[in-house]
Amino acid sequence: MLIKRTQGQRSEVTSRGSVAEGLSGQAGGLDRRTFLRRSGLAGGGLAALARFVWMAVLTVCVVPVVAVASLGEIARVRALPWYAGATGVVAASAPWLIRAILHLPRAAGYNFAELRFAIVFFVAGLISGSVYWLLAGRDAGAPLREL
């Protein structure tokens, strides 16, 4: 029982479907298909959004750590500033690097909205590089211990 409303002499208890019907202004209510169509996510839009979010997370969090960790392991660097700072710089520069690699226009340009995202990406890179250093970087290049 969600809402009790009275209309004249009669009172009725509305169910969830009736509330959705009243909110949507349709006789049939607001179903999943209607919601997706109205939100612009029908026809593969939701899959495209999920793919975009997944690629953004990989680009900002995973790829910079892998690149910096590979260089750090080869050079046997054990310093936190290297893993955190270099990962932050690589993550912050990721949008410009991708545009330069794909030969897209405005590869060297920027606007202030992009700089805000670059700061967020830099902080994400700092965090992911620090987590990597906590897990593995302290022992980078050290001789393997016997079990």
Protein backbone atom coordinates (compact mmCIF):
# COMPACT_ATOMS: atom_id res chain seq x y z
CA MET A 1 0.00 0.00 0.00
CA LEU A 2 1.68 3.19 -1.12
CA ILE A 3 -0.86 5.98 -1.40
CA LYS A 4 -4.41 6.22 -0.21
CA ARG A 5 -6.41 8.72 -2.16
CA THR A 6 -10.04 9.65 -2.08
CA GLN A 7 -12.06 10.72 -5.05
CA GLY A 8 -15.48 11.95 -4.12
CA GLN A 9 -17.26 9.26 -2.15
CA ARG A 10 -15.02 6.38 -3.05
CA SER A 11 -11.56 5.61 -1.73
CA GLU A 12 -9.06 3.33 -3.35
CA VAL A 13 -5.61 2.13 -2.54
CA THR A 14 -3.19 2.47 -5.41
CA SER A 15 -0.55 -0.08 -6.15
CA ARG A 16 2.92 0.50 -7.54
CA GLY A 17 1.69 0.04 -11.10
CA SER A 18 -0.98 2.67 -10.65
CA VAL A 19 1.55 5.13 -9.24
CA ALA A 20 3.86 4.54 -12.21
CA GLU A 21 0.87 4.91 -14.50
CA GLY A 22 -0.04 8.21 -12.93
CA LEU A 23 3.52 9.50 -13.09
CA SER A 24 4.05 8.50 -16.68
CA GLY A 25 0.73 9.79 -17.93
CA GLN A 26 0.09 6.58 -19.85
CA ALA A 27 -2.68 4.09 -19.51
CA GLY A 28 -0.25 1.19 -19.57
CA GLY A 29 2.27 2.56 -17.05
CA LEU A 30 5.98 3.08 -17.42
CA ASP A 31 7.56 -0.18 -18.47
CA ARG A 32 11.21 -0.95 -19.13
CA ARG A 33 10.98 -0.58 -22.88
CA THR A 34 9.30 2.83 -22.65
CA PHE A 35 11.86 4.02 -20.13
CA LEU A 36 14.78 2.95 -22.35
CA ARG A 37 13.22 4.55 -25.43
CA ARG A 38 12.55 7.85 -23.65
CA SER A 39 16.01 7.97 -22.08
CA GLY A 40 17.73 7.40 -25.42
CA LEU A 41 19.26 4.11 -24.32
CA ALA A 42 17.17 1.88 -26.58
CA GLY A 43 18.77 0.31 -29.63
CA GLY A 44 22.13 -0.54 -28.11
CA GLY A 45 22.66 2.78 -26.34
CA LEU A 46 23.00 1.07 -22.98
CA ALA A 47 25.62 -1.32 -24.35
CA ALA A 48 27.49 1.60 -25.91
CA LEU A 49 27.41 3.47 -22.60
CA ALA A 50 28.71 0.42 -20.73
CA ARG A 51 31.47 -0.04 -23.32
CA PHE A 52 32.47 3.63 -23.00
CA VAL A 53 32.63 3.45 -19.19
CA TRP A 54 34.66 0.22 -19.35
CA MET A 55 37.16 1.71 -21.80
CA ALA A 56 37.45 4.89 -19.72
CA VAL A 57 38.22 2.90 -16.58
CA LEU A 58 40.81 0.82 -18.42
CA THR A 59 42.39 3.90 -20.01
CA VAL A 60 42.65 5.86 -16.78
CA CYS A 61 43.32 3.18 -14.16
CA VAL A 62 44.81 0.07 -15.74
CA VAL A 63 46.89 1.09 -18.76
CA PRO A 64 48.98 3.75 -16.94
CA VAL A 65 49.75 1.36 -14.07
CA VAL A 66 50.80 -1.40 -16.45
CA ALA A 67 53.05 0.96 -18.44
CA VAL A 68 54.69 2.53 -15.38
CA ALA A 69 54.97 -0.79 -13.54
CA SER A 70 56.67 -2.38 -16.56
CA LEU A 71 59.23 0.41 -16.73
CA GLY A 72 59.70 0.34 -12.95
CA GLU A 73 60.25 -3.40 -12.91
CA ILE A 74 62.76 -3.25 -15.74
CA ALA A 75 64.65 -0.36 -14.11
CA ARG A 76 64.27 -1.93 -10.63
CA VAL A 77 62.73 1.22 -9.18
CA ARG A 78 61.29 0.82 -5.69
CA ALA A 79 60.26 4.40 -4.93
CA LEU A 80 56.67 5.39 -4.19
CA PRO A 81 57.06 8.78 -5.96
CA TRP A 82 57.95 6.97 -9.17
CA TYR A 83 54.92 4.67 -9.17
CA ALA A 84 52.43 7.27 -7.91
CA GLY A 85 53.75 10.29 -9.80
CA ALA A 86 54.49 8.66 -13.14
CA THR A 87 51.17 6.81 -13.13
CA GLY A 88 49.40 10.09 -12.35
CA VAL A 89 51.15 11.90 -15.21
CA VAL A 90 50.44 9.11 -17.69
CA ALA A 91 46.77 8.93 -16.62
CA ALA A 92 46.37 12.71 -16.82
CA SER A 93 47.88 12.84 -20.30
CA ALA A 94 45.86 9.84 -21.57
CA PRO A 95 43.22 11.88 -23.47
CA TRP A 96 45.89 13.83 -25.37
CA LEU A 97 47.98 10.71 -26.02
CA ILE A 98 44.96 8.89 -27.45
CA ARG A 99 44.12 11.82 -29.72
CA ALA A 100 47.73 12.05 -30.91
CA ILE A 101 47.94 8.30 -31.59
CA LEU A 102 44.67 8.34 -33.53
CA HIS A 103 45.69 11.52 -35.39
CA LEU A 104 42.55 13.32 -34.25
CA PRO A 105 42.19 17.08 -34.47
CA ARG A 106 42.93 19.14 -31.38
CA ALA A 107 45.56 16.66 -30.18
CA ALA A 108 47.68 19.50 -28.85
CA GLY A 109 44.78 21.75 -27.81
CA TYR A 110 42.81 21.82 -24.60
CA ASN A 111 39.96 23.58 -22.88
CA PHE A 112 39.26 24.11 -19.20
CA ALA A 113 36.82 21.21 -18.94
CA GLU A 114 39.57 18.87 -20.16
CA LEU A 115 41.95 20.28 -17.57
CA ARG A 116 39.45 19.48 -14.83
CA PHE A 117 39.25 15.91 -16.09
CA ALA A 118 43.04 15.80 -16.26
CA ILE A 119 43.20 16.68 -12.56
CA VAL A 120 40.73 13.89 -11.77
CA PHE A 121 42.72 11.46 -13.94
CA PHE A 122 45.95 12.54 -12.23
CA VAL A 123 44.47 11.81 -8.80
CA ALA A 124 43.15 8.45 -10.04
CA GLY A 125 46.63 7.67 -11.34
CA LEU A 126 48.19 8.67 -8.02
CA ILE A 127 45.86 6.32 -6.19
CA SER A 128 46.28 3.39 -8.58
CA GLY A 129 50.07 3.82 -8.67
CA SER A 130 50.20 3.95 -4.88
CA VAL A 131 48.10 0.80 -4.62
CA TYR A 132 50.43 -0.97 -7.04
CA TRP A 133 53.45 0.16 -5.03
CA LEU A 134 51.86 -1.12 -1.82
CA LEU A 135 51.16 -4.49 -3.42
CA ALA A 136 54.26 -5.09 -5.51
CA GLY A 137 56.45 -2.06 -6.11
CA ARG A 138 58.27 -2.13 -2.79
CA ASP A 139 59.87 -5.37 -3.89
CA ALA A 140 60.51 -4.39 -7.52
CA GLY A 141 63.67 -5.90 -8.89
CA ALA A 142 64.50 -7.67 -5.63
CA PRO A 143 65.84 -11.20 -5.87
CA LEU A 144 63.17 -13.84 -5.59
CA ARG A 145 62.79 -15.36 -2.19
CA GLU A 146 62.65 -19.09 -1.79
CA LEU A 147 59.49 -20.51 -0.32
